[in-house]
Amino acid sequence: MGATLQRLGIKRHFVETHLHLAATVAFVALTSGAWTDSGLLYLAGLLALAAISMAYGIRYRQFAFVAYGAVYPYVGISLRLTRHWRDTATFGYGVVSASAMVALMVYVARRFGRDA
């Protein structure tokens, strides 16, 4: 929709908003599907979409798309891994992996983020 409006010269400034909305909807749908019994198919789609999102974010220096491509798969993979774990193991995994994810996002933001 955003690309069509841009080509027609109508509301060109909304293209980025359309991309953010579409990415968020697609990522949320695939991430929630990763929790189901047939979640491996959703997880594969999530990882493919993450690769596309990160490539787009790096190429056009849009940190939000790099973050989408890192955070949503992290959540999807974590959901698959911890589905049958005990509470203590899940908590330990959450603390360690979330700390690593925050450190990674800070590094990526400094490396690929848009200059303010």
PDB file of N, CA and C in Angstrom:
ATOM      1  N   MET A   1       0.824  -1.183   0.000  1.00  0.00           N
ATOM      2  CA  MET A   1       0.000   0.000   0.000  1.00  0.00           C
ATOM      3  C   MET A   1       0.879   1.261   0.000  1.00  0.00           C
ATOM      4  N   GLY A   2       1.900   1.245   0.848  1.00  0.00           N
ATOM      5  CA  GLY A   2       2.786   2.401   0.916  1.00  0.00           C
ATOM      6  C   GLY A   2       3.515   2.642  -0.390  1.00  0.00           C
ATOM      7  N   ALA A   3       3.977   1.553  -1.035  1.00  0.00           N
ATOM      8  CA  ALA A   3       4.685   1.688  -2.309  1.00  0.00           C
ATOM      9  C   ALA A   3       3.756   2.228  -3.392  1.00  0.00           C
ATOM     10  N   THR A   4       2.510   1.760  -3.401  1.00  0.00           N
ATOM     11  CA  THR A   4       1.544   2.237  -4.387  1.00  0.00           C
ATOM     12  C   THR A   4       1.263   3.719  -4.200  1.00  0.00           C
ATOM     13  N   LEU A   5       1.048   4.121  -2.957  1.00  0.00           N
ATOM     14  CA  LEU A   5       0.800   5.543  -2.695  1.00  0.00           C
ATOM     15  C   LEU A   5       1.997   6.400  -3.065  1.00  0.00           C
ATOM     16  N   GLN A   6       3.191   5.882  -2.827  1.00  0.00           N
ATOM     17  CA  GLN A   6       4.393   6.637  -3.176  1.00  0.00           C
ATOM     18  C   GLN A   6       4.492   6.811  -4.692  1.00  0.00           C
ATOM     19  N   ARG A   7       4.217   5.738  -5.438  1.00  0.00           N
ATOM     20  CA  ARG A   7       4.272   5.826  -6.906  1.00  0.00           C
ATOM     21  C   ARG A   7       3.244   6.795  -7.461  1.00  0.00           C
ATOM     22  N   LEU A   8       2.094   6.844  -6.804  1.00  0.00           N
ATOM     23  CA  LEU A   8       1.048   7.763  -7.255  1.00  0.00           C
ATOM     24  C   LEU A   8       1.283   9.194  -6.779  1.00  0.00           C
ATOM     25  N   GLY A   9       2.280   9.375  -5.926  1.00  0.00           N
ATOM     26  CA  GLY A   9       2.589  10.704  -5.414  1.00  0.00           C
ATOM     27  C   GLY A   9       1.637  11.163  -4.324  1.00  0.00           C
ATOM     28  N   ILE A  10       0.960  10.214  -3.689  1.00  0.00           N
ATOM     29  CA  ILE A  10      -0.004  10.536  -2.640  1.00  0.00           C
ATOM     30  C   ILE A  10       0.607  10.164  -1.286  1.00  0.00           C
ATOM     31  N   LYS A  11       0.716  11.119  -0.412  1.00  0.00           N
ATOM     32  CA  LYS A  11       1.194  10.890   0.954  1.00  0.00           C
ATOM     33  C   LYS A  11       2.502  10.085   0.986  1.00  0.00           C
ATOM     34  N   ARG A  12       3.489  10.538   0.255  1.00  0.00           N
ATOM     35  CA  ARG A  12       4.781   9.840   0.192  1.00  0.00           C
ATOM     36  C   ARG A  12       5.445   9.707   1.547  1.00  0.00           C
ATOM     37  N   HIS A  13       5.172  10.650   2.427  1.00  0.00           N
ATOM     38  CA  HIS A  13       5.824  10.640   3.732  1.00  0.00           C
ATOM     39  C   HIS A  13       5.283   9.531   4.635  1.00  0.00           C
ATOM     40  N   PHE A  14       4.227   8.825   4.229  1.00  0.00           N
ATOM     41  CA  PHE A  14       3.683   7.741   5.035  1.00  0.00           C
ATOM     42  C   PHE A  14       4.281   6.374   4.710  1.00  0.00           C
ATOM     43  N   VAL A  15       5.167   6.294   3.729  1.00  0.00           N
ATOM     44  CA  VAL A  15       5.731   5.008   3.325  1.00  0.00           C
ATOM     45  C   VAL A  15       6.445   4.340   4.491  1.00  0.00           C
ATOM     46  N   GLU A  16       7.248   5.100   5.201  1.00  0.00           N
ATOM     47  CA  GLU A  16       7.977   4.521   6.330  1.00  0.00           C
ATOM     48  C   GLU A  16       7.014   4.035   7.419  1.00  0.00           C
ATOM     49  N   THR A  17       5.950   4.760   7.643  1.00  0.00           N
ATOM     50  CA  THR A  17       4.944   4.340   8.622  1.00  0.00           C
ATOM     51  C   THR A  17       4.297   3.031   8.194  1.00  0.00           C
ATOM     52  N   HIS A  18       3.993   2.909   6.910  1.00  0.00           N
ATOM     53  CA  HIS A  18       3.410   1.660   6.412  1.00  0.00           C
ATOM     54  C   HIS A  18       4.383   0.499   6.594  1.00  0.00           C
ATOM     55  N   LEU A  19       5.659   0.739   6.343  1.00  0.00           N
ATOM     56  CA  LEU A  19       6.658  -0.320   6.515  1.00  0.00           C
ATOM     57  C   LEU A  19       6.766  -0.756   7.975  1.00  0.00           C
ATOM     58  N   HIS A  20       6.757   0.203   8.893  1.00  0.00           N
ATOM     59  CA  HIS A  20       6.823  -0.145  10.317  1.00  0.00           C
ATOM     60  C   HIS A  20       5.593  -0.952  10.736  1.00  0.00           C
ATOM     61  N   LEU A  21       4.437  -0.516  10.304  1.00  0.00           N
ATOM     62  CA  LEU A  21       3.205  -1.212  10.659  1.00  0.00           C
ATOM     63  C   LEU A  21       3.187  -2.628  10.088  1.00  0.00           C
ATOM     64  N   ALA A  22       3.543  -2.773   8.822  1.00  0.00           N
ATOM     65  CA  ALA A  22       3.560  -4.091   8.186  1.00  0.00           C
ATOM     66  C   ALA A  22       4.578  -5.013   8.858  1.00  0.00           C
ATOM     67  N   ALA A  23       5.751  -4.483   9.159  1.00  0.00           N
ATOM     68  CA  ALA A  23       6.776  -5.290   9.822  1.00  0.00           C
ATOM     69  C   ALA A  23       6.307  -5.744  11.203  1.00  0.00           C
ATOM     70  N   THR A  24       5.713  -4.836  11.950  1.00  0.00           N
ATOM     71  CA  THR A  24       5.249  -5.180  13.290  1.00  0.00           C
ATOM     72  C   THR A  24       4.167  -6.252  13.234  1.00  0.00           C
ATOM     73  N   VAL A  25       3.202  -6.104  12.354  1.00  0.00           N
ATOM     74  CA  VAL A  25       2.126  -7.093  12.236  1.00  0.00           C
ATOM     75  C   VAL A  25       2.691  -8.451  11.840  1.00  0.00           C
ATOM     76  N   ALA A  26       3.570  -8.480  10.852  1.00  0.00           N
ATOM     77  CA  ALA A  26       4.147  -9.746  10.395  1.00  0.00           C
ATOM     78  C   ALA A  26       4.983 -10.397  11.494  1.00  0.00           C
ATOM     79  N   PHE A  27       5.800  -9.619  12.179  1.00  0.00           N
ATOM     80  CA  PHE A  27       6.632 -10.174  13.243  1.00  0.00           C
ATOM     81  C   PHE A  27       5.793 -10.696  14.409  1.00  0.00           C
ATOM     82  N   VAL A  28       4.770  -9.959  14.803  1.00  0.00           N
ATOM     83  CA  VAL A  28       3.926 -10.409  15.910  1.00  0.00           C
ATOM     84  C   VAL A  28       3.197 -11.694  15.527  1.00  0.00           C
ATOM     85  N   ALA A  29       2.691 -11.765  14.322  1.00  0.00           N
ATOM     86  CA  ALA A  29       1.988 -12.971  13.877  1.00  0.00           C
ATOM     87  C   ALA A  29       2.912 -14.188  13.875  1.00  0.00           C
ATOM     88  N   LEU A  30       4.101 -14.027  13.317  1.00  0.00           N
ATOM     89  CA  LEU A  30       5.032 -15.158  13.259  1.00  0.00           C
ATOM     90  C   LEU A  30       5.569 -15.528  14.636  1.00  0.00           C
ATOM     91  N   THR A  31       5.803 -14.523  15.477  1.00  0.00           N
ATOM     92  CA  THR A  31       6.290 -14.808  16.836  1.00  0.00           C
ATOM     93  C   THR A  31       5.234 -15.548  17.639  1.00  0.00           C
ATOM     94  N   SER A  32       3.990 -15.141  17.544  1.00  0.00           N
ATOM     95  CA  SER A  32       2.936 -15.837  18.286  1.00  0.00           C
ATOM     96  C   SER A  32       2.735 -17.245  17.747  1.00  0.00           C
ATOM     97  N   GLY A  33       2.942 -17.449  16.456  1.00  0.00           N
ATOM     98  CA  GLY A  33       2.834 -18.784  15.883  1.00  0.00           C
ATOM     99  C   GLY A  33       3.952 -19.705  16.330  1.00  0.00           C
ATOM    100  N   ALA A  34       5.096 -19.160  16.677  1.00  0.00           N
ATOM    101  CA  ALA A  34       6.226 -19.980  17.137  1.00  0.00           C
ATOM    102  C   ALA A  34       5.914 -20.704  18.433  1.00  0.00           C
ATOM    103  N   TRP A  35       4.943 -20.230  19.167  1.00  0.00           N
ATOM    104  CA  TRP A  35       4.562 -20.838  20.440  1.00  0.00           C
ATOM    105  C   TRP A  35       3.718 -22.093  20.240  1.00  0.00           C
ATOM    106  N   THR A  36       3.071 -22.238  19.097  1.00  0.00           N
ATOM    107  CA  THR A  36       2.141 -23.338  18.850  1.00  0.00           C
ATOM    108  C   THR A  36       2.888 -24.643  18.596  1.00  0.00           C
ATOM    109  N   ASP A  37       2.112 -25.745  18.483  1.00  0.00           N
ATOM    110  CA  ASP A  37       2.718 -27.051  18.226  1.00  0.00           C
ATOM    111  C   ASP A  37       3.385 -27.134  16.859  1.00  0.00           C
ATOM    112  N   SER A  38       2.856 -26.430  15.879  1.00  0.00           N
ATOM    113  CA  SER A  38       3.475 -26.393  14.549  1.00  0.00           C
ATOM    114  C   SER A  38       4.394 -25.179  14.417  1.00  0.00           C
ATOM    115  N   GLY A  39       4.993 -24.803  15.502  1.00  0.00           N
ATOM    116  CA  GLY A  39       5.764 -23.569  15.574  1.00  0.00           C
ATOM    117  C   GLY A  39       7.045 -23.535  14.782  1.00  0.00           C
ATOM    118  N   LEU A  40       7.588 -24.690  14.398  1.00  0.00           N
ATOM    119  CA  LEU A  40       8.840 -24.667  13.650  1.00  0.00           C
ATOM    120  C   LEU A  40       8.671 -24.005  12.287  1.00  0.00           C
ATOM    121  N   LEU A  41       7.522 -24.170  11.680  1.00  0.00           N
ATOM    122  CA  LEU A  41       7.258 -23.507  10.409  1.00  0.00           C
ATOM    123  C   LEU A  41       7.185 -21.988  10.605  1.00  0.00           C
ATOM    124  N   TYR A  42       6.514 -21.566  11.657  1.00  0.00           N
ATOM    125  CA  TYR A  42       6.443 -20.142  11.976  1.00  0.00           C
ATOM    126  C   TYR A  42       7.827 -19.597  12.322  1.00  0.00           C
ATOM    127  N   LEU A  43       8.592 -20.387  13.042  1.00  0.00           N
ATOM    128  CA  LEU A  43       9.937 -19.956  13.419  1.00  0.00           C
ATOM    129  C   LEU A  43      10.818 -19.780  12.183  1.00  0.00           C
ATOM    130  N   ALA A  44      10.688 -20.673  11.221  1.00  0.00           N
ATOM    131  CA  ALA A  44      11.453 -20.533   9.975  1.00  0.00           C
ATOM    132  C   ALA A  44      11.054 -19.245   9.254  1.00  0.00           C
ATOM    133  N   GLY A  45       9.759 -18.968   9.193  1.00  0.00           N
ATOM    134  CA  GLY A  45       9.293 -17.717   8.580  1.00  0.00           C
ATOM    135  C   GLY A  45       9.787 -16.506   9.340  1.00  0.00           C
ATOM    136  N   LEU A  46       9.792 -16.613  10.659  1.00  0.00           N
ATOM    137  CA  LEU A  46      10.275 -15.520  11.505  1.00  0.00           C
ATOM    138  C   LEU A  46      11.745 -15.231  11.243  1.00  0.00           C
ATOM    139  N   LEU A  47      12.543 -16.269  11.120  1.00  0.00           N
ATOM    140  CA  LEU A  47      13.973 -16.079  10.867  1.00  0.00           C
ATOM    141  C   LEU A  47      14.220 -15.502   9.465  1.00  0.00           C
ATOM    142  N   ALA A  48      13.431 -15.931   8.492  1.00  0.00           N
ATOM    143  CA  ALA A  48      13.566 -15.379   7.141  1.00  0.00           C
ATOM    144  C   ALA A  48      13.188 -13.902   7.122  1.00  0.00           C
ATOM    145  N   LEU A  49      12.080 -13.565   7.769  1.00  0.00           N
ATOM    146  CA  LEU A  49      11.663 -12.170   7.840  1.00  0.00           C
ATOM    147  C   LEU A  49      12.688 -11.330   8.604  1.00  0.00           C
ATOM    148  N   ALA A  50      13.293 -11.910   9.636  1.00  0.00           N
ATOM    149  CA  ALA A  50      14.315 -11.199  10.402  1.00  0.00           C
ATOM    150  C   ALA A  50      15.518 -10.869   9.527  1.00  0.00           C
ATOM    151  N   ALA A  51      15.924 -11.812   8.697  1.00  0.00           N
ATOM    152  CA  ALA A  51      17.064 -11.566   7.806  1.00  0.00           C
ATOM    153  C   ALA A  51      16.753 -10.435   6.832  1.00  0.00           C
ATOM    154  N   ILE A  52      15.543 -10.440   6.291  1.00  0.00           N
ATOM    155  CA  ILE A  52      15.143  -9.381   5.358  1.00  0.00           C
ATOM    156  C   ILE A  52      15.092  -8.033   6.075  1.00  0.00           C
ATOM    157  N   SER A  53      14.516  -8.025   7.256  1.00  0.00           N
ATOM    158  CA  SER A  53      14.380  -6.787   8.024  1.00  0.00           C
ATOM    159  C   SER A  53      15.742  -6.218   8.405  1.00  0.00           C
ATOM    160  N   MET A  54      16.637  -7.078   8.843  1.00  0.00           N
ATOM    161  CA  MET A  54      17.965  -6.603   9.236  1.00  0.00           C
ATOM    162  C   MET A  54      18.747  -6.094   8.023  1.00  0.00           C
ATOM    163  N   ALA A  55      18.638  -6.787   6.904  1.00  0.00           N
ATOM    164  CA  ALA A  55      19.325  -6.324   5.692  1.00  0.00           C
ATOM    165  C   ALA A  55      18.799  -4.957   5.269  1.00  0.00           C
ATOM    166  N   TYR A  56      17.481  -4.789   5.314  1.00  0.00           N
ATOM    167  CA  TYR A  56      16.881  -3.491   4.977  1.00  0.00           C
ATOM    168  C   TYR A  56      17.352  -2.419   5.954  1.00  0.00           C
ATOM    169  N   GLY A  57      17.332  -2.739   7.243  1.00  0.00           N
ATOM    170  CA  GLY A  57      17.733  -1.770   8.253  1.00  0.00           C
ATOM    171  C   GLY A  57      19.180  -1.337   8.131  1.00  0.00           C
ATOM    172  N   ILE A  58      20.045  -2.285   7.822  1.00  0.00           N
ATOM    173  CA  ILE A  58      21.461  -1.958   7.665  1.00  0.00           C
ATOM    174  C   ILE A  58      21.683  -1.148   6.388  1.00  0.00           C
ATOM    175  N   ARG A  59      21.046  -1.572   5.316  1.00  0.00           N
ATOM    176  CA  ARG A  59      21.241  -0.878   4.039  1.00  0.00           C
ATOM    177  C   ARG A  59      20.759   0.572   4.091  1.00  0.00           C
ATOM    178  N   TYR A  60      19.597   0.786   4.690  1.00  0.00           N
ATOM    179  CA  TYR A  60      19.024   2.136   4.721  1.00  0.00           C
ATOM    180  C   TYR A  60      19.234   2.850   6.058  1.00  0.00           C
ATOM    181  N   ARG A  61      20.073   2.254   6.907  1.00  0.00           N
ATOM    182  CA  ARG A  61      20.428   2.826   8.206  1.00  0.00           C
ATOM    183  C   ARG A  61      19.185   3.161   9.027  1.00  0.00           C
ATOM    184  N   GLN A  62      18.296   2.196   9.112  1.00  0.00           N
ATOM    185  CA  GLN A  62      17.069   2.293   9.899  1.00  0.00           C
ATOM    186  C   GLN A  62      17.191   1.330  11.076  1.00  0.00           C
ATOM    187  N   PHE A  63      17.585   1.843  12.225  1.00  0.00           N
ATOM    188  CA  PHE A  63      17.839   0.985  13.371  1.00  0.00           C
ATOM    189  C   PHE A  63      16.602   0.213  13.807  1.00  0.00           C
ATOM    190  N   ALA A  64      15.426   0.781  13.649  1.00  0.00           N
ATOM    191  CA  ALA A  64      14.207   0.095  14.086  1.00  0.00           C
ATOM    192  C   ALA A  64      14.059  -1.259  13.389  1.00  0.00           C
ATOM    193  N   PHE A  65      14.385  -1.335  12.114  1.00  0.00           N
ATOM    194  CA  PHE A  65      14.242  -2.596  11.392  1.00  0.00           C
ATOM    195  C   PHE A  65      15.316  -3.598  11.795  1.00  0.00           C
ATOM    196  N   VAL A  66      16.492  -3.110  12.153  1.00  0.00           N
ATOM    197  CA  VAL A  66      17.522  -3.998  12.690  1.00  0.00           C
ATOM    198  C   VAL A  66      17.058  -4.547  14.045  1.00  0.00           C
ATOM    199  N   ALA A  67      16.475  -3.685  14.851  1.00  0.00           N
ATOM    200  CA  ALA A  67      15.963  -4.120  16.159  1.00  0.00           C
ATOM    201  C   ALA A  67      14.815  -5.115  16.000  1.00  0.00           C
ATOM    202  N   TYR A  68      13.899  -4.860  15.066  1.00  0.00           N
ATOM    203  CA  TYR A  68      12.818  -5.822  14.805  1.00  0.00           C
ATOM    204  C   TYR A  68      13.410  -7.187  14.457  1.00  0.00           C
ATOM    205  N   GLY A  69      14.423  -7.166  13.589  1.00  0.00           N
ATOM    206  CA  GLY A  69      15.045  -8.403  13.125  1.00  0.00           C
ATOM    207  C   GLY A  69      15.832  -9.136  14.181  1.00  0.00           C
ATOM    208  N   ALA A  70      16.154  -8.469  15.271  1.00  0.00           N
ATOM    209  CA  ALA A  70      16.879  -9.124  16.360  1.00  0.00           C
ATOM    210  C   ALA A  70      15.952  -9.511  17.513  1.00  0.00           C
ATOM    211  N   VAL A  71      15.064  -8.625  17.887  1.00  0.00           N
ATOM    212  CA  VAL A  71      14.251  -8.839  19.096  1.00  0.00           C
ATOM    213  C   VAL A  71      13.148  -9.872  18.875  1.00  0.00           C
ATOM    214  N   TYR A  72      12.396  -9.766  17.792  1.00  0.00           N
ATOM    215  CA  TYR A  72      11.296 -10.713  17.579  1.00  0.00           C
ATOM    216  C   TYR A  72      11.787 -12.157  17.447  1.00  0.00           C
ATOM    217  N   PRO A  73      12.856 -12.443  16.685  1.00  0.00           N
ATOM    218  CA  PRO A  73      13.352 -13.819  16.659  1.00  0.00           C
ATOM    219  C   PRO A  73      13.872 -14.279  18.019  1.00  0.00           C
ATOM    220  N   TYR A  74      14.467 -13.364  18.773  1.00  0.00           N
ATOM    221  CA  TYR A  74      14.904 -13.715  20.126  1.00  0.00           C
ATOM    222  C   TYR A  74      13.714 -14.196  20.958  1.00  0.00           C
ATOM    223  N   VAL A  75      12.615 -13.472  20.873  1.00  0.00           N
ATOM    224  CA  VAL A  75      11.414 -13.862  21.623  1.00  0.00           C
ATOM    225  C   VAL A  75      10.871 -15.186  21.098  1.00  0.00           C
ATOM    226  N   GLY A  76      10.795 -15.342  19.777  1.00  0.00           N
ATOM    227  CA  GLY A  76      10.282 -16.577  19.193  1.00  0.00           C
ATOM    228  C   GLY A  76      11.117 -17.791  19.550  1.00  0.00           C
ATOM    229  N   ILE A  77      12.431 -17.658  19.455  1.00  0.00           N
ATOM    230  CA  ILE A  77      13.325 -18.764  19.806  1.00  0.00           C
ATOM    231  C   ILE A  77      13.225 -19.061  21.298  1.00  0.00           C
ATOM    232  N   SER A  78      13.165 -18.022  22.111  1.00  0.00           N
ATOM    233  CA  SER A  78      13.038 -18.219  23.558  1.00  0.00           C
ATOM    234  C   SER A  78      11.741 -18.939  23.907  1.00  0.00           C
ATOM    235  N   LEU A  79      10.658 -18.582  23.236  1.00  0.00           N
ATOM    236  CA  LEU A  79       9.388 -19.274  23.481  1.00  0.00           C
ATOM    237  C   LEU A  79       9.504 -20.752  23.145  1.00  0.00           C
ATOM    238  N   ARG A  80      10.137 -21.077  22.020  1.00  0.00           N
ATOM    239  CA  ARG A  80      10.300 -22.490  21.641  1.00  0.00           C
ATOM    240  C   ARG A  80      11.194 -23.232  22.623  1.00  0.00           C
ATOM    241  N   LEU A  81      12.275 -22.597  23.048  1.00  0.00           N
ATOM    242  CA  LEU A  81      13.217 -23.267  23.947  1.00  0.00           C
ATOM    243  C   LEU A  81      12.645 -23.518  25.336  1.00  0.00           C
ATOM    244  N   THR A  82      11.908 -22.563  25.843  1.00  0.00           N
ATOM    245  CA  THR A  82      11.490 -22.625  27.252  1.00  0.00           C
ATOM    246  C   THR A  82      10.072 -23.148  27.449  1.00  0.00           C
ATOM    247  N   ARG A  83       9.449 -23.670  26.414  1.00  0.00           N
ATOM    248  CA  ARG A  83       8.063 -24.129  26.543  1.00  0.00           C
ATOM    249  C   ARG A  83       7.868 -25.152  27.651  1.00  0.00           C
ATOM    250  N   HIS A  84       8.808 -26.045  27.807  1.00  0.00           N
ATOM    251  CA  HIS A  84       8.646 -27.134  28.765  1.00  0.00           C
ATOM    252  C   HIS A  84       9.670 -27.091  29.903  1.00  0.00           C
ATOM    253  N   TRP A  85      10.311 -25.968  30.077  1.00  0.00           N
ATOM    254  CA  TRP A  85      11.301 -25.841  31.140  1.00  0.00           C
ATOM    255  C   TRP A  85      10.621 -25.528  32.457  1.00  0.00           C
ATOM    256  N   ARG A  86      11.351 -25.771  33.519  1.00  0.00           N
ATOM    257  CA  ARG A  86      10.870 -25.404  34.845  1.00  0.00           C
ATOM    258  C   ARG A  86      11.083 -23.898  35.049  1.00  0.00           C
ATOM    259  N   ASP A  87      10.404 -23.343  36.023  1.00  0.00           N
ATOM    260  CA  ASP A  87      10.447 -21.893  36.248  1.00  0.00           C
ATOM    261  C   ASP A  87      11.852 -21.375  36.533  1.00  0.00           C
ATOM    262  N   THR A  88      12.635 -22.103  37.307  1.00  0.00           N
ATOM    263  CA  THR A  88      13.979 -21.640  37.669  1.00  0.00           C
ATOM    264  C   THR A  88      14.880 -21.576  36.436  1.00  0.00           C
ATOM    265  N   ALA A  89      14.826 -22.593  35.606  1.00  0.00           N
ATOM    266  CA  ALA A  89      15.656 -22.610  34.400  1.00  0.00           C
ATOM    267  C   ALA A  89      15.224 -21.498  33.450  1.00  0.00           C
ATOM    268  N   THR A  90      13.928 -21.297  33.317  1.00  0.00           N
ATOM    269  CA  THR A  90      13.417 -20.245  32.451  1.00  0.00           C
ATOM    270  C   THR A  90      13.865 -18.873  32.939  1.00  0.00           C
ATOM    271  N   PHE A  91      13.816 -18.665  34.244  1.00  0.00           N
ATOM    272  CA  PHE A  91      14.242 -17.384  34.809  1.00  0.00           C
ATOM    273  C   PHE A  91      15.730 -17.153  34.561  1.00  0.00           C
ATOM    274  N   GLY A  92      16.549 -18.155  34.801  1.00  0.00           N
ATOM    275  CA  GLY A  92      17.989 -18.024  34.570  1.00  0.00           C
ATOM    276  C   GLY A  92      18.310 -17.744  33.116  1.00  0.00           C
ATOM    277  N   TYR A  93      17.656 -18.473  32.228  1.00  0.00           N
ATOM    278  CA  TYR A  93      17.838 -18.233  30.791  1.00  0.00           C
ATOM    279  C   TYR A  93      17.423 -16.810  30.450  1.00  0.00           C
ATOM    280  N   GLY A  94      16.304 -16.369  30.988  1.00  0.00           N
ATOM    281  CA  GLY A  94      15.797 -15.029  30.703  1.00  0.00           C
ATOM    282  C   GLY A  94      16.763 -13.943  31.132  1.00  0.00           C
ATOM    283  N   VAL A  95      17.312 -14.074  32.325  1.00  0.00           N
ATOM    284  CA  VAL A  95      18.235 -13.055  32.836  1.00  0.00           C
ATOM    285  C   VAL A  95      19.503 -12.996  31.980  1.00  0.00           C
ATOM    286  N   VAL A  96      20.088 -14.147  31.709  1.00  0.00           N
ATOM    287  CA  VAL A  96      21.344 -14.171  30.959  1.00  0.00           C
ATOM    288  C   VAL A  96      21.132 -13.741  29.509  1.00  0.00           C
ATOM    289  N   SER A  97      20.132 -14.323  28.852  1.00  0.00           N
ATOM    290  CA  SER A  97      19.945 -14.026  27.434  1.00  0.00           C
ATOM    291  C   SER A  97      19.421 -12.604  27.201  1.00  0.00           C
ATOM    292  N   ALA A  98      18.561 -12.114  28.081  1.00  0.00           N
ATOM    293  CA  ALA A  98      18.068 -10.739  27.931  1.00  0.00           C
ATOM    294  C   ALA A  98      19.198  -9.731  28.139  1.00  0.00           C
ATOM    295  N   SER A  99      20.082 -10.005  29.080  1.00  0.00           N
ATOM    296  CA  SER A  99      21.240  -9.127  29.288  1.00  0.00           C
ATOM    297  C   SER A  99      22.128  -9.111  28.045  1.00  0.00           C
ATOM    298  N   ALA A 100      22.337 -10.281  27.460  1.00  0.00           N
ATOM    299  CA  ALA A 100      23.140 -10.364  26.238  1.00  0.00           C
ATOM    300  C   ALA A 100      22.454  -9.627  25.093  1.00  0.00           C
ATOM    301  N   MET A 101      21.129  -9.740  25.016  1.00  0.00           N
ATOM    302  CA  MET A 101      20.384  -9.068  23.948  1.00  0.00           C
ATOM    303  C   MET A 101      20.462  -7.550  24.099  1.00  0.00           C
ATOM    304  N   VAL A 102      20.375  -7.057  25.310  1.00  0.00           N
ATOM    305  CA  VAL A 102      20.493  -5.611  25.538  1.00  0.00           C
ATOM    306  C   VAL A 102      21.886  -5.130  25.129  1.00  0.00           C
ATOM    307  N   ALA A 103      22.920  -5.868  25.517  1.00  0.00           N
ATOM    308  CA  ALA A 103      24.283  -5.495  25.143  1.00  0.00           C
ATOM    309  C   ALA A 103      24.447  -5.511  23.622  1.00  0.00           C
ATOM    310  N   LEU A 104      23.876  -6.510  22.959  1.00  0.00           N
ATOM    311  CA  LEU A 104      23.942  -6.587  21.505  1.00  0.00           C
ATOM    312  C   LEU A 104      23.222  -5.410  20.855  1.00  0.00           C
ATOM    313  N   MET A 105      22.068  -5.051  21.359  1.00  0.00           N
ATOM    314  CA  MET A 105      21.306  -3.939  20.783  1.00  0.00           C
ATOM    315  C   MET A 105      22.042  -2.607  20.970  1.00  0.00           C
ATOM    316  N   VAL A 106      22.709  -2.432  22.096  1.00  0.00           N
ATOM    317  CA  VAL A 106      23.498  -1.214  22.312  1.00  0.00           C
ATOM    318  C   VAL A 106      24.649  -1.160  21.310  1.00  0.00           C
ATOM    319  N   TYR A 107      25.318  -2.286  21.114  1.00  0.00           N
ATOM    320  CA  TYR A 107      26.410  -2.350  20.150  1.00  0.00           C
ATOM    321  C   TYR A 107      25.905  -2.054  18.735  1.00  0.00           C
ATOM    322  N   VAL A 108      24.813  -2.701  18.352  1.00  0.00           N
ATOM    323  CA  VAL A 108      24.269  -2.520  17.009  1.00  0.00           C
ATOM    324  C   VAL A 108      23.796  -1.077  16.807  1.00  0.00           C
ATOM    325  N   ALA A 109      23.182  -0.500  17.824  1.00  0.00           N
ATOM    326  CA  ALA A 109      22.717   0.886  17.710  1.00  0.00           C
ATOM    327  C   ALA A 109      23.888   1.831  17.467  1.00  0.00           C
ATOM    328  N   ARG A 110      24.980   1.584  18.129  1.00  0.00           N
ATOM    329  CA  ARG A 110      26.152   2.447  17.931  1.00  0.00           C
ATOM    330  C   ARG A 110      26.819   2.193  16.581  1.00  0.00           C
ATOM    331  N   ARG A 111      26.751   0.961  16.108  1.00  0.00           N
ATOM    332  CA  ARG A 111      27.433   0.591  14.864  1.00  0.00           C
ATOM    333  C   ARG A 111      26.621   0.950  13.633  1.00  0.00           C
ATOM    334  N   PHE A 112      25.323   0.643  13.645  1.00  0.00           N
ATOM    335  CA  PHE A 112      24.502   0.802  12.455  1.00  0.00           C
ATOM    336  C   PHE A 112      23.387   1.826  12.589  1.00  0.00           C
ATOM    337  N   GLY A 113      23.197   2.356  13.769  1.00  0.00           N
ATOM    338  CA  GLY A 113      22.069   3.272  13.983  1.00  0.00           C
ATOM    339  C   GLY A 113      22.191   4.566  13.213  1.00  0.00           C
ATOM    340  N   ARG A 114      21.088   5.216  13.056  1.00  0.00           N
ATOM    341  CA  ARG A 114      21.039   6.501  12.342  1.00  0.00           C
ATOM    342  C   ARG A 114      21.659   7.575  13.220  1.00  0.00           C
ATOM    343  N   ASP A 115      22.480   8.422  12.607  1.00  0.00           N
ATOM    344  CA  ASP A 115      23.085   9.531  13.339  1.00  0.00           C
ATOM    345  C   ASP A 115      22.009  10.551  13.683  1.00  0.00           C
ATOM    346  N   ALA A 116      22.046  11.033  14.910  1.00  0.00           N
ATOM    347  CA  ALA A 116      21.034  12.011  15.337  1.00  0.00           C
ATOM    348  C   ALA A 116      21.504  13.419  15.085  1.00  0.00           C
TER     349      ALA A 116
END
